[in-house]
Amino acid sequence: MTHSQMSLVPTVVIVILNWNKWRLSLECIDSLKQLDYPNWRLLLVDNGSTDGSLGKFCALPETSELISLSSNHGYTGGNNLAIARAMEMGADYIWLLNNDAKVETKTLSLLVTLAESDDRIGLVGPLLMRPGDIPCCEAAGVRFDCSKASLEVTLDINEALKWQSDCPERMAVFGTALLIRRSVIEKVGGFDEQFFAYDEDIDLSIRSAQAGFLNVVEFRAILWHQPREGSADDTDLVAPHVHYYMARNEIRLWRKHCTRLLAVKAHFWTLHRSLRQAFDLHRAKRGATVVEALLRGIWDGLCGRSGPYIPERRAPEPLRSVMLGLGKLWIARKG
């Protein structure tokens, strides 16, 4: 393709955030070589890694730029810095790509083609698939309802298609492989850094929809995604920081986007679910660190705190005992 022809194709800046997982990042970058989309550049952000990652990134593709941060700015902060740089580079679209993902040949071209078909489309995501002996769908569609403080995820493509048809203004796109139109950033900004990590993509989707954009999934575009740390069936295998952020940020999300009364109701259900889980683990003497992370996440969410998870911090006593007592009460009521 000639330079003049390239200028007619939207410029996509692909952003990959690395934090102490350089092998995954290099595998993800290697998969980009098969993309058939002709006009992309790569921004690799090292988010304050301490595992020697920087020394591994010496043979990046020609159209690449490495941003090295001295500390961990979280998913939100690291990506926001990259988004700002991508805007300076003249990106028409910014594609945020998790480093534990791998693309197919047409993944990006299908996303851009769909976005270019309608100026109202602000965020686009692919069909998220999990690899394995029997590949399965990780997420086909996500919808939110701020009038009910609810979030639903479906693995059924037909159901997701129906959602997109029936309630297009309430669709969200996960950040796993999120294509963002430049005008979305210009109008609503990037991620809310108060989230630090988790639920920031839902928040951005809500703000995008509120600004009049459509958030859609291109079901023909496939992305292979390794199971995230928060998706393991065995709670003991789920990283404590995931429990912390998910408990804290669910409270933050609905407090931000719902009426005060509805947010209080949403907080109750978050407490109900999280405290029952915490007490169940505590009673079984499993996942002590996870229990503390859950309790701290709930407490910090209610207090409106943000920032990174600090394992040494615990919910204050005697409140911690009260929260576990509530968990015991809810389990007893269930029985």
C-alpha atoms as a PDB file:
ATOM      1  CA  MET A   1       0.000   0.000   0.000  1.00  0.00           C
ATOM      2  CA  THR A   2       1.371   3.429  -0.989  1.00  0.00           C
ATOM      3  CA  HIS A   3       1.767   6.324   1.427  1.00  0.00           C
ATOM      4  CA  SER A   4      -1.167   8.172  -0.192  1.00  0.00           C
ATOM      5  CA  GLN A   5      -3.372   5.096   0.144  1.00  0.00           C
ATOM      6  CA  MET A   6      -2.317   4.694   3.780  1.00  0.00           C
ATOM      7  CA  SER A   7      -3.409   8.254   4.506  1.00  0.00           C
ATOM      8  CA  LEU A   8      -6.969   7.300   3.551  1.00  0.00           C
ATOM      9  CA  VAL A   9      -7.057   4.478   6.095  1.00  0.00           C
ATOM     10  CA  PRO A  10      -7.817   5.536   9.692  1.00  0.00           C
ATOM     11  CA  THR A  11      -4.770   5.504  11.936  1.00  0.00           C
ATOM     12  CA  VAL A  12      -5.077   3.102  14.844  1.00  0.00           C
ATOM     13  CA  VAL A  13      -2.723   3.290  17.804  1.00  0.00           C
ATOM     14  CA  ILE A  14      -2.674  -0.011  19.670  1.00  0.00           C
ATOM     15  CA  VAL A  15      -1.970   0.327  23.392  1.00  0.00           C
ATOM     16  CA  ILE A  16      -0.646  -2.595  25.436  1.00  0.00           C
ATOM     17  CA  LEU A  17      -0.074  -2.154  29.159  1.00  0.00           C
ATOM     18  CA  ASN A  18       2.582  -4.315  30.802  1.00  0.00           C
ATOM     19  CA  TRP A  19       3.003  -4.863  34.522  1.00  0.00           C
ATOM     20  CA  ASN A  20       5.401  -7.634  35.477  1.00  0.00           C
ATOM     21  CA  LYS A  21       4.216  -9.923  32.666  1.00  0.00           C
ATOM     22  CA  TRP A  22       6.705  -9.381  29.862  1.00  0.00           C
ATOM     23  CA  ARG A  23       6.271 -12.882  28.396  1.00  0.00           C
ATOM     24  CA  LEU A  24       2.557 -12.349  27.904  1.00  0.00           C
ATOM     25  CA  SER A  25       3.185  -8.905  26.435  1.00  0.00           C
ATOM     26  CA  LEU A  26       5.689 -10.224  23.899  1.00  0.00           C
ATOM     27  CA  GLU A  27       3.306 -13.022  22.895  1.00  0.00           C
ATOM     28  CA  CYS A  28       0.514 -10.489  22.417  1.00  0.00           C
ATOM     29  CA  ILE A  29       2.773  -8.220  20.359  1.00  0.00           C
ATOM     30  CA  ASP A  30       3.875 -11.190  18.256  1.00  0.00           C
ATOM     31  CA  SER A  31       0.238 -11.960  17.435  1.00  0.00           C
ATOM     32  CA  LEU A  32      -0.166  -8.442  16.011  1.00  0.00           C
ATOM     33  CA  LYS A  33       2.075  -9.407  13.094  1.00  0.00           C
ATOM     34  CA  GLN A  34      -0.778 -11.357  11.530  1.00  0.00           C
ATOM     35  CA  LEU A  35      -3.169  -8.386  11.453  1.00  0.00           C
ATOM     36  CA  ASP A  36      -4.289  -7.498   7.943  1.00  0.00           C
ATOM     37  CA  TYR A  37      -5.067  -3.915   8.946  1.00  0.00           C
ATOM     38  CA  PRO A  38      -2.440  -1.735   7.214  1.00  0.00           C
ATOM     39  CA  ASN A  39      -2.245   1.431   9.316  1.00  0.00           C
ATOM     40  CA  TRP A  40      -1.474   0.779  12.957  1.00  0.00           C
ATOM     41  CA  ARG A  41       1.213   1.764  15.412  1.00  0.00           C
ATOM     42  CA  LEU A  42       2.025   0.300  18.792  1.00  0.00           C
ATOM     43  CA  LEU A  43       2.373   2.017  22.148  1.00  0.00           C
ATOM     44  CA  LEU A  44       3.730  -0.317  24.816  1.00  0.00           C
ATOM     45  CA  VAL A  45       3.473   1.027  28.346  1.00  0.00           C
ATOM     46  CA  ASP A  46       5.547  -0.528  31.096  1.00  0.00           C
ATOM     47  CA  ASN A  47       3.598   0.312  34.232  1.00  0.00           C
ATOM     48  CA  GLY A  48       6.413   0.381  36.779  1.00  0.00           C
ATOM     49  CA  SER A  49       7.368  -3.293  36.416  1.00  0.00           C
ATOM     50  CA  THR A  50       9.881  -4.766  38.839  1.00  0.00           C
ATOM     51  CA  ASP A  51      10.548  -8.050  37.020  1.00  0.00           C
ATOM     52  CA  GLY A  52      13.075  -6.758  34.495  1.00  0.00           C
ATOM     53  CA  SER A  53      10.450  -6.280  31.792  1.00  0.00           C
ATOM     54  CA  LEU A  54      12.158  -3.259  30.240  1.00  0.00           C
ATOM     55  CA  GLY A  55      15.183  -5.309  29.305  1.00  0.00           C
ATOM     56  CA  LYS A  56      12.969  -7.699  27.360  1.00  0.00           C
ATOM     57  CA  PHE A  57      11.480  -5.053  25.081  1.00  0.00           C
ATOM     58  CA  CYS A  58      14.497  -4.441  22.874  1.00  0.00           C
ATOM     59  CA  ALA A  59      13.148  -5.886  19.610  1.00  0.00           C
ATOM     60  CA  LEU A  60       9.749  -4.265  19.192  1.00  0.00           C
ATOM     61  CA  PRO A  61       8.134  -3.729  15.768  1.00  0.00           C
ATOM     62  CA  GLU A  62       9.414  -0.759  13.765  1.00  0.00           C
ATOM     63  CA  THR A  63       6.248   1.276  14.267  1.00  0.00           C
ATOM     64  CA  SER A  64       6.425   1.031  18.053  1.00  0.00           C
ATOM     65  CA  GLU A  65       7.007   3.350  20.957  1.00  0.00           C
ATOM     66  CA  LEU A  66       7.826   2.338  24.521  1.00  0.00           C
ATOM     67  CA  ILE A  67       6.642   4.376  27.482  1.00  0.00           C
ATOM     68  CA  SER A  68       8.367   3.511  30.747  1.00  0.00           C
ATOM     69  CA  LEU A  69       6.708   4.566  33.998  1.00  0.00           C
ATOM     70  CA  SER A  70       8.642   4.601  37.272  1.00  0.00           C
ATOM     71  CA  SER A  71       5.648   3.367  39.302  1.00  0.00           C
ATOM     72  CA  ASN A  72       2.396   1.495  38.821  1.00  0.00           C
ATOM     73  CA  HIS A  73      -0.272   3.969  37.705  1.00  0.00           C
ATOM     74  CA  GLY A  74      -2.961   1.293  37.575  1.00  0.00           C
ATOM     75  CA  TYR A  75      -4.881   0.204  34.516  1.00  0.00           C
ATOM     76  CA  THR A  76      -6.563   3.597  34.352  1.00  0.00           C
ATOM     77  CA  GLY A  77      -3.518   5.816  34.819  1.00  0.00           C
ATOM     78  CA  GLY A  78      -1.217   3.798  32.569  1.00  0.00           C
ATOM     79  CA  ASN A  79      -3.749   3.695  29.758  1.00  0.00           C
ATOM     80  CA  ASN A  80      -4.655   7.364  30.155  1.00  0.00           C
ATOM     81  CA  LEU A  81      -1.024   8.357  29.628  1.00  0.00           C
ATOM     82  CA  ALA A  82      -0.935   6.191  26.514  1.00  0.00           C
ATOM     83  CA  ILE A  83      -4.231   7.614  25.269  1.00  0.00           C
ATOM     84  CA  ALA A  84      -2.866  11.144  25.628  1.00  0.00           C
ATOM     85  CA  ARG A  85       0.228  10.160  23.659  1.00  0.00           C
ATOM     86  CA  ALA A  86      -1.889   8.438  20.990  1.00  0.00           C
ATOM     87  CA  MET A  87      -3.933  11.614  20.570  1.00  0.00           C
ATOM     88  CA  GLU A  88      -0.681  13.554  20.056  1.00  0.00           C
ATOM     89  CA  MET A  89       0.286  11.012  17.391  1.00  0.00           C
ATOM     90  CA  GLY A  90      -2.907  11.799  15.480  1.00  0.00           C
ATOM     91  CA  ALA A  91      -4.762   8.552  16.184  1.00  0.00           C
ATOM     92  CA  ASP A  92      -8.222   8.262  14.647  1.00  0.00           C
ATOM     93  CA  TYR A  93      -8.843   5.270  16.872  1.00  0.00           C
ATOM     94  CA  ILE A  94      -7.122   3.914  19.974  1.00  0.00           C
ATOM     95  CA  TRP A  95      -7.244   0.166  20.542  1.00  0.00           C
ATOM     96  CA  LEU A  96      -6.630  -0.834  24.141  1.00  0.00           C
ATOM     97  CA  LEU A  97      -5.483  -4.436  24.131  1.00  0.00           C
ATOM     98  CA  ASN A  98      -4.892  -6.606  27.197  1.00  0.00           C
ATOM     99  CA  ASN A  99      -1.480  -8.233  27.104  1.00  0.00           C
ATOM    100  CA  ASP A 100      -3.021 -11.653  27.838  1.00  0.00           C
ATOM    101  CA  ALA A 101      -4.944 -11.526  24.554  1.00  0.00           C
ATOM    102  CA  LYS A 102      -4.177 -12.727  21.046  1.00  0.00           C
ATOM    103  CA  VAL A 103      -5.709 -11.437  17.846  1.00  0.00           C
ATOM    104  CA  GLU A 104      -6.836 -13.047  14.613  1.00  0.00           C
ATOM    105  CA  THR A 105      -5.958 -11.719  11.168  1.00  0.00           C
ATOM    106  CA  LYS A 106      -9.158  -9.712  10.650  1.00  0.00           C
ATOM    107  CA  THR A 107      -9.881  -8.699  14.249  1.00  0.00           C
ATOM    108  CA  LEU A 108      -8.825  -5.074  13.935  1.00  0.00           C
ATOM    109  CA  SER A 109      -9.997  -4.502  10.359  1.00  0.00           C
ATOM    110  CA  LEU A 110     -13.492  -5.730  11.252  1.00  0.00           C
ATOM    111  CA  LEU A 111     -13.645  -3.429  14.296  1.00  0.00           C
ATOM    112  CA  VAL A 112     -12.571  -0.370  12.310  1.00  0.00           C
ATOM    113  CA  THR A 113     -14.907  -1.174   9.406  1.00  0.00           C
ATOM    114  CA  LEU A 114     -17.864  -1.318  11.781  1.00  0.00           C
ATOM    115  CA  ALA A 115     -16.837   1.913  13.506  1.00  0.00           C
ATOM    116  CA  GLU A 116     -16.425   3.682  10.157  1.00  0.00           C
ATOM    117  CA  SER A 117     -19.925   2.614   9.095  1.00  0.00           C
ATOM    118  CA  ASP A 118     -21.613   4.963  11.571  1.00  0.00           C
ATOM    119  CA  ASP A 119     -20.214   8.141  13.141  1.00  0.00           C
ATOM    120  CA  ARG A 120     -22.369   7.530  16.206  1.00  0.00           C
ATOM    121  CA  ILE A 121     -20.347   4.449  17.151  1.00  0.00           C
ATOM    122  CA  GLY A 122     -17.928   5.427  19.894  1.00  0.00           C
ATOM    123  CA  LEU A 123     -16.686   2.162  21.409  1.00  0.00           C
ATOM    124  CA  VAL A 124     -16.318  -1.175  19.646  1.00  0.00           C
ATOM    125  CA  GLY A 125     -15.253  -4.542  20.993  1.00  0.00           C
ATOM    126  CA  PRO A 126     -14.778  -8.024  19.528  1.00  0.00           C
ATOM    127  CA  LEU A 127     -16.316 -11.302  20.605  1.00  0.00           C
ATOM    128  CA  LEU A 128     -14.196 -12.452  23.541  1.00  0.00           C
ATOM    129  CA  MET A 129     -13.259 -16.126  23.390  1.00  0.00           C
ATOM    130  CA  ARG A 130     -11.290 -18.344  25.764  1.00  0.00           C
ATOM    131  CA  PRO A 131      -8.829 -20.797  24.236  1.00  0.00           C
ATOM    132  CA  GLY A 132      -8.611 -24.404  25.324  1.00  0.00           C
ATOM    133  CA  ASP A 133      -9.373 -27.947  24.265  1.00  0.00           C
ATOM    134  CA  ILE A 134     -12.964 -26.794  23.920  1.00  0.00           C
ATOM    135  CA  PRO A 135     -12.932 -23.047  23.129  1.00  0.00           C
ATOM    136  CA  CYS A 136     -15.750 -21.111  24.745  1.00  0.00           C
ATOM    137  CA  CYS A 137     -17.187 -17.623  24.786  1.00  0.00           C
ATOM    138  CA  GLU A 138     -16.029 -15.356  27.597  1.00  0.00           C
ATOM    139  CA  ALA A 139     -18.409 -12.485  26.826  1.00  0.00           C
ATOM    140  CA  ALA A 140     -20.734 -11.726  23.925  1.00  0.00           C
ATOM    141  CA  GLY A 141     -22.517  -8.698  25.309  1.00  0.00           C
ATOM    142  CA  VAL A 142     -22.744  -6.417  28.323  1.00  0.00           C
ATOM    143  CA  ARG A 143     -25.575  -4.081  29.226  1.00  0.00           C
ATOM    144  CA  PHE A 144     -26.100  -1.697  32.102  1.00  0.00           C
ATOM    145  CA  ASP A 145     -29.133  -0.022  33.597  1.00  0.00           C
ATOM    146  CA  CYS A 146     -28.417   2.998  35.770  1.00  0.00           C
ATOM    147  CA  SER A 147     -32.099   3.191  36.704  1.00  0.00           C
ATOM    148  CA  LYS A 148     -31.725  -0.175  38.426  1.00  0.00           C
ATOM    149  CA  ALA A 149     -27.984  -0.202  39.228  1.00  0.00           C
ATOM    150  CA  SER A 150     -27.632  -3.431  37.282  1.00  0.00           C
ATOM    151  CA  LEU A 151     -25.027  -4.947  34.988  1.00  0.00           C
ATOM    152  CA  GLU A 152     -25.631  -8.064  32.901  1.00  0.00           C
ATOM    153  CA  VAL A 153     -23.231 -10.159  30.851  1.00  0.00           C
ATOM    154  CA  THR A 154     -24.322 -12.731  28.286  1.00  0.00           C
ATOM    155  CA  LEU A 155     -22.382 -15.476  26.539  1.00  0.00           C
ATOM    156  CA  ASP A 156     -25.190 -15.953  24.008  1.00  0.00           C
ATOM    157  CA  ILE A 157     -24.563 -14.119  20.725  1.00  0.00           C
ATOM    158  CA  ASN A 158     -28.259 -14.117  19.825  1.00  0.00           C
ATOM    159  CA  GLU A 159     -29.161 -12.560  23.154  1.00  0.00           C
ATOM    160  CA  ALA A 160     -26.397  -9.976  22.767  1.00  0.00           C
ATOM    161  CA  LEU A 161     -27.677  -9.107  19.275  1.00  0.00           C
ATOM    162  CA  LYS A 162     -31.146  -8.619  20.723  1.00  0.00           C
ATOM    163  CA  TRP A 163     -29.771  -6.364  23.447  1.00  0.00           C
ATOM    164  CA  GLN A 164     -27.949  -4.240  20.875  1.00  0.00           C
ATOM    165  CA  SER A 165     -31.158  -3.946  18.874  1.00  0.00           C
ATOM    166  CA  ASP A 166     -33.579  -3.333  21.758  1.00  0.00           C
ATOM    167  CA  CYS A 167     -31.496  -1.112  24.050  1.00  0.00           C
ATOM    168  CA  PRO A 168     -28.458   0.236  22.126  1.00  0.00           C
ATOM    169  CA  GLU A 169     -28.133   3.148  24.543  1.00  0.00           C
ATOM    170  CA  ARG A 170     -27.404   0.764  27.445  1.00  0.00           C
ATOM    171  CA  MET A 171     -24.649  -1.370  25.954  1.00  0.00           C
ATOM    172  CA  ALA A 172     -21.148  -1.522  27.405  1.00  0.00           C
ATOM    173  CA  VAL A 173     -17.863  -2.885  26.046  1.00  0.00           C
ATOM    174  CA  PHE A 174     -15.205  -4.574  28.147  1.00  0.00           C
ATOM    175  CA  GLY A 175     -11.711  -3.052  28.130  1.00  0.00           C
ATOM    176  CA  THR A 176     -10.056  -6.313  27.060  1.00  0.00           C
ATOM    177  CA  ALA A 177      -9.831  -5.150  23.452  1.00  0.00           C
ATOM    178  CA  LEU A 178     -11.553  -1.782  23.372  1.00  0.00           C
ATOM    179  CA  LEU A 179     -11.495   0.306  20.183  1.00  0.00           C
ATOM    180  CA  ILE A 180     -12.167   3.960  21.043  1.00  0.00           C
ATOM    181  CA  ARG A 181     -13.078   6.626  18.502  1.00  0.00           C
ATOM    182  CA  ARG A 182     -11.003   9.770  18.895  1.00  0.00           C
ATOM    183  CA  SER A 183     -14.074  11.972  19.366  1.00  0.00           C
ATOM    184  CA  VAL A 184     -15.109   9.944  22.433  1.00  0.00           C
ATOM    185  CA  ILE A 185     -11.882  10.945  24.187  1.00  0.00           C
ATOM    186  CA  GLU A 186     -12.321  14.532  23.041  1.00  0.00           C
ATOM    187  CA  LYS A 187     -15.866  14.633  24.391  1.00  0.00           C
ATOM    188  CA  VAL A 188     -15.832  12.569  27.606  1.00  0.00           C
ATOM    189  CA  GLY A 189     -12.122  12.068  28.371  1.00  0.00           C
ATOM    190  CA  GLY A 190     -10.349   8.836  29.217  1.00  0.00           C
ATOM    191  CA  PHE A 191     -10.707   6.526  32.176  1.00  0.00           C
ATOM    192  CA  ASP A 192     -11.692   7.755  35.617  1.00  0.00           C
ATOM    193  CA  GLU A 193      -8.448   7.167  37.523  1.00  0.00           C
ATOM    194  CA  GLN A 194     -10.321   6.877  40.813  1.00  0.00           C
ATOM    195  CA  PHE A 195     -11.151   3.305  39.781  1.00  0.00           C
ATOM    196  CA  PHE A 196      -7.448   2.409  39.358  1.00  0.00           C
ATOM    197  CA  ALA A 197      -8.423  -1.016  37.971  1.00  0.00           C
ATOM    198  CA  TYR A 198     -11.679  -2.898  37.280  1.00  0.00           C
ATOM    199  CA  ASP A 199     -15.059  -1.382  36.314  1.00  0.00           C
ATOM    200  CA  GLU A 200     -13.335   1.580  34.629  1.00  0.00           C
ATOM    201  CA  ASP A 201     -14.439   0.193  31.246  1.00  0.00           C
ATOM    202  CA  ILE A 202     -18.083   0.068  32.356  1.00  0.00           C
ATOM    203  CA  ASP A 203     -17.799   3.628  33.632  1.00  0.00           C
ATOM    204  CA  LEU A 204     -16.351   4.785  30.293  1.00  0.00           C
ATOM    205  CA  SER A 205     -19.103   2.925  28.433  1.00  0.00           C
ATOM    206  CA  ILE A 206     -21.769   4.661  30.512  1.00  0.00           C
ATOM    207  CA  ARG A 207     -20.205   8.079  29.895  1.00  0.00           C
ATOM    208  CA  SER A 208     -19.879   7.328  26.191  1.00  0.00           C
ATOM    209  CA  ALA A 209     -23.562   6.378  25.984  1.00  0.00           C
ATOM    210  CA  GLN A 210     -24.589   9.445  27.975  1.00  0.00           C
ATOM    211  CA  ALA A 211     -22.694  11.577  25.445  1.00  0.00           C
ATOM    212  CA  GLY A 212     -24.769  10.121  22.616  1.00  0.00           C
ATOM    213  CA  PHE A 213     -22.386   7.477  21.276  1.00  0.00           C
ATOM    214  CA  LEU A 214     -23.213   3.838  20.588  1.00  0.00           C
ATOM    215  CA  ASN A 215     -21.157   1.062  22.181  1.00  0.00           C
ATOM    216  CA  VAL A 216     -21.230  -2.088  20.069  1.00  0.00           C
ATOM    217  CA  VAL A 217     -19.719  -5.541  19.640  1.00  0.00           C
ATOM    218  CA  GLU A 218     -18.537  -6.794  16.255  1.00  0.00           C
ATOM    219  CA  PHE A 219     -19.364 -10.499  16.566  1.00  0.00           C
ATOM    220  CA  ARG A 220     -17.310 -11.494  13.515  1.00  0.00           C
ATOM    221  CA  ALA A 221     -14.153 -10.092  15.125  1.00  0.00           C
ATOM    222  CA  ILE A 222     -12.580 -12.702  17.405  1.00  0.00           C
ATOM    223  CA  LEU A 223     -10.186 -12.106  20.258  1.00  0.00           C
ATOM    224  CA  TRP A 224      -8.646 -14.939  22.262  1.00  0.00           C
ATOM    225  CA  HIS A 225      -8.320 -14.048  25.923  1.00  0.00           C
ATOM    226  CA  GLN A 226      -6.728 -16.046  28.707  1.00  0.00           C
ATOM    227  CA  PRO A 227      -8.979 -16.345  31.790  1.00  0.00           C
ATOM    228  CA  ARG A 228      -8.430 -13.260  33.914  1.00  0.00           C
ATOM    229  CA  GLU A 229      -7.374 -13.500  37.522  1.00  0.00           C
ATOM    230  CA  GLY A 230     -10.899 -12.774  38.677  1.00  0.00           C
ATOM    231  CA  SER A 231     -12.590 -15.581  36.763  1.00  0.00           C
ATOM    232  CA  ALA A 232     -11.274 -18.689  38.472  1.00  0.00           C
ATOM    233  CA  ASP A 233     -13.897 -21.040  39.910  1.00  0.00           C
ATOM    234  CA  ASP A 234     -11.809 -21.694  43.024  1.00  0.00           C
ATOM    235  CA  THR A 235     -11.875 -18.510  45.096  1.00  0.00           C
ATOM    236  CA  ASP A 236      -8.508 -19.384  46.638  1.00  0.00           C
ATOM    237  CA  LEU A 237      -6.938 -19.042  43.190  1.00  0.00           C
ATOM    238  CA  VAL A 238      -8.361 -15.574  42.575  1.00  0.00           C
ATOM    239  CA  ALA A 239      -5.852 -12.841  43.344  1.00  0.00           C
ATOM    240  CA  PRO A 240      -6.848 -10.897  46.510  1.00  0.00           C
ATOM    241  CA  HIS A 241      -6.449  -7.553  44.730  1.00  0.00           C
ATOM    242  CA  VAL A 242      -9.164  -8.584  42.259  1.00  0.00           C
ATOM    243  CA  HIS A 243     -11.634  -9.156  45.105  1.00  0.00           C
ATOM    244  CA  TYR A 244     -10.627  -5.827  46.604  1.00  0.00           C
ATOM    245  CA  TYR A 245     -11.105  -3.775  43.427  1.00  0.00           C
ATOM    246  CA  MET A 246     -14.330  -5.483  42.394  1.00  0.00           C
ATOM    247  CA  ALA A 247     -15.958  -4.940  45.795  1.00  0.00           C
ATOM    248  CA  ARG A 248     -14.717  -1.362  46.086  1.00  0.00           C
ATOM    249  CA  ASN A 249     -15.381  -0.264  42.530  1.00  0.00           C
ATOM    250  CA  GLU A 250     -18.873  -1.718  42.234  1.00  0.00           C
ATOM    251  CA  ILE A 251     -19.817   0.633  45.063  1.00  0.00           C
ATOM    252  CA  ARG A 252     -18.007   3.502  43.340  1.00  0.00           C
ATOM    253  CA  LEU A 253     -19.660   2.805  39.969  1.00  0.00           C
ATOM    254  CA  TRP A 254     -23.236   2.986  41.155  1.00  0.00           C
ATOM    255  CA  ARG A 255     -22.570   5.864  43.527  1.00  0.00           C
ATOM    256  CA  LYS A 256     -21.281   7.803  40.535  1.00  0.00           C
ATOM    257  CA  HIS A 257     -24.070   6.992  38.097  1.00  0.00           C
ATOM    258  CA  CYS A 258     -27.209   6.457  40.186  1.00  0.00           C
ATOM    259  CA  THR A 259     -29.418   8.574  42.374  1.00  0.00           C
ATOM    260  CA  ARG A 260     -28.469   8.603  46.042  1.00  0.00           C
ATOM    261  CA  LEU A 261     -31.373   6.361  47.057  1.00  0.00           C
ATOM    262  CA  LEU A 262     -30.658   3.834  44.319  1.00  0.00           C
ATOM    263  CA  ALA A 263     -26.955   3.862  45.139  1.00  0.00           C
ATOM    264  CA  VAL A 264     -27.773   2.985  48.748  1.00  0.00           C
ATOM    265  CA  LYS A 265     -29.834   0.031  47.532  1.00  0.00           C
ATOM    266  CA  ALA A 266     -27.007  -1.039  45.227  1.00  0.00           C
ATOM    267  CA  HIS A 267     -24.545  -0.797  48.122  1.00  0.00           C
ATOM    268  CA  PHE A 268     -26.790  -3.088  50.151  1.00  0.00           C
ATOM    269  CA  TRP A 269     -26.670  -5.827  47.513  1.00  0.00           C
ATOM    270  CA  THR A 270     -22.922  -5.460  47.128  1.00  0.00           C
ATOM    271  CA  LEU A 271     -22.580  -5.801  50.904  1.00  0.00           C
ATOM    272  CA  HIS A 272     -24.970  -8.724  50.946  1.00  0.00           C
ATOM    273  CA  ARG A 273     -23.059 -10.673  48.317  1.00  0.00           C
ATOM    274  CA  SER A 274     -19.523  -9.782  49.385  1.00  0.00           C
ATOM    275  CA  LEU A 275     -20.016 -10.256  53.127  1.00  0.00           C
ATOM    276  CA  ARG A 276     -21.665 -13.631  52.680  1.00  0.00           C
ATOM    277  CA  GLN A 277     -18.736 -14.690  50.532  1.00  0.00           C
ATOM    278  CA  ALA A 278     -16.246 -13.305  53.060  1.00  0.00           C
ATOM    279  CA  PHE A 279     -17.872 -15.077  55.997  1.00  0.00           C
ATOM    280  CA  ASP A 280     -18.193 -18.349  54.103  1.00  0.00           C
ATOM    281  CA  LEU A 281     -14.458 -18.284  53.363  1.00  0.00           C
ATOM    282  CA  HIS A 282     -13.652 -17.202  56.918  1.00  0.00           C
ATOM    283  CA  ARG A 283     -15.742 -20.005  58.409  1.00  0.00           C
ATOM    284  CA  ALA A 284     -14.103 -22.599  56.162  1.00  0.00           C
ATOM    285  CA  LYS A 285     -10.668 -21.189  57.008  1.00  0.00           C
ATOM    286  CA  ARG A 286      -9.952 -20.734  53.308  1.00  0.00           C
ATOM    287  CA  GLY A 287      -8.565 -17.692  51.583  1.00  0.00           C
ATOM    288  CA  ALA A 288      -7.757 -15.579  54.662  1.00  0.00           C
ATOM    289  CA  THR A 289      -6.027 -12.972  52.492  1.00  0.00           C
ATOM    290  CA  VAL A 290      -9.035 -12.894  50.183  1.00  0.00           C
ATOM    291  CA  VAL A 291     -11.354 -12.325  53.143  1.00  0.00           C
ATOM    292  CA  GLU A 292      -9.288  -9.347  54.281  1.00  0.00           C
ATOM    293  CA  ALA A 293      -9.188  -7.971  50.729  1.00  0.00           C
ATOM    294  CA  LEU A 294     -12.969  -8.247  50.408  1.00  0.00           C
ATOM    295  CA  LEU A 295     -13.603  -6.544  53.736  1.00  0.00           C
ATOM    296  CA  ARG A 296     -11.127  -3.769  52.957  1.00  0.00           C
ATOM    297  CA  GLY A 297     -12.637  -3.291  49.496  1.00  0.00           C
ATOM    298  CA  ILE A 298     -16.117  -2.907  50.963  1.00  0.00           C
ATOM    299  CA  TRP A 299     -14.892  -0.475  53.608  1.00  0.00           C
ATOM    300  CA  ASP A 300     -12.856   1.624  51.167  1.00  0.00           C
ATOM    301  CA  GLY A 301     -15.774   1.678  48.707  1.00  0.00           C
ATOM    302  CA  LEU A 302     -18.165   2.950  51.360  1.00  0.00           C
ATOM    303  CA  CYS A 303     -15.567   5.535  52.422  1.00  0.00           C
ATOM    304  CA  GLY A 304     -15.026   6.661  48.820  1.00  0.00           C
ATOM    305  CA  ARG A 305     -11.328   5.789  48.809  1.00  0.00           C
ATOM    306  CA  SER A 306      -9.338   5.120  45.656  1.00  0.00           C
ATOM    307  CA  GLY A 307      -5.778   4.154  44.755  1.00  0.00           C
ATOM    308  CA  PRO A 308      -3.948   0.809  44.671  1.00  0.00           C
ATOM    309  CA  TYR A 309      -4.633  -2.233  46.809  1.00  0.00           C
ATOM    310  CA  ILE A 310      -2.284  -2.407  49.793  1.00  0.00           C
ATOM    311  CA  PRO A 311      -2.303  -5.935  51.287  1.00  0.00           C
ATOM    312  CA  GLU A 312      -1.143  -4.784  54.723  1.00  0.00           C
ATOM    313  CA  ARG A 313      -4.226  -2.624  55.240  1.00  0.00           C
ATOM    314  CA  ARG A 314      -7.247  -4.243  56.886  1.00  0.00           C
ATOM    315  CA  ALA A 315     -10.748  -3.081  57.618  1.00  0.00           C
ATOM    316  CA  PRO A 316     -10.758  -1.387  61.051  1.00  0.00           C
ATOM    317  CA  GLU A 317     -11.783  -3.207  64.196  1.00  0.00           C
ATOM    318  CA  PRO A 318     -14.388  -3.658  65.555  1.00  0.00           C
ATOM    319  CA  LEU A 319     -16.041  -2.954  62.184  1.00  0.00           C
ATOM    320  CA  ARG A 320     -14.309  -5.964  60.675  1.00  0.00           C
ATOM    321  CA  SER A 321     -15.987  -8.264  63.201  1.00  0.00           C
ATOM    322  CA  VAL A 322     -19.333  -6.576  62.586  1.00  0.00           C
ATOM    323  CA  MET A 323     -19.013  -7.147  58.822  1.00  0.00           C
ATOM    324  CA  LEU A 324     -18.196 -10.831  59.313  1.00  0.00           C
ATOM    325  CA  GLY A 325     -21.157 -11.040  61.678  1.00  0.00           C
ATOM    326  CA  LEU A 326     -23.424  -9.639  58.993  1.00  0.00           C
ATOM    327  CA  GLY A 327     -22.099 -12.249  56.586  1.00  0.00           C
ATOM    328  CA  LYS A 328     -22.955 -14.956  59.137  1.00  0.00           C
ATOM    329  CA  LEU A 329     -26.448 -13.476  59.532  1.00  0.00           C
ATOM    330  CA  TRP A 330     -27.130 -13.495  55.791  1.00  0.00           C
ATOM    331  CA  ILE A 331     -25.920 -17.095  55.459  1.00  0.00           C
ATOM    332  CA  ALA A 332     -28.177 -18.105  58.376  1.00  0.00           C
ATOM    333  CA  ARG A 333     -31.123 -16.378  56.733  1.00  0.00           C
ATOM    334  CA  LYS A 334     -30.436 -18.247  53.492  1.00  0.00           C
ATOM    335  CA  GLY A 335     -30.500 -21.547  55.418  1.00  0.00           C
END
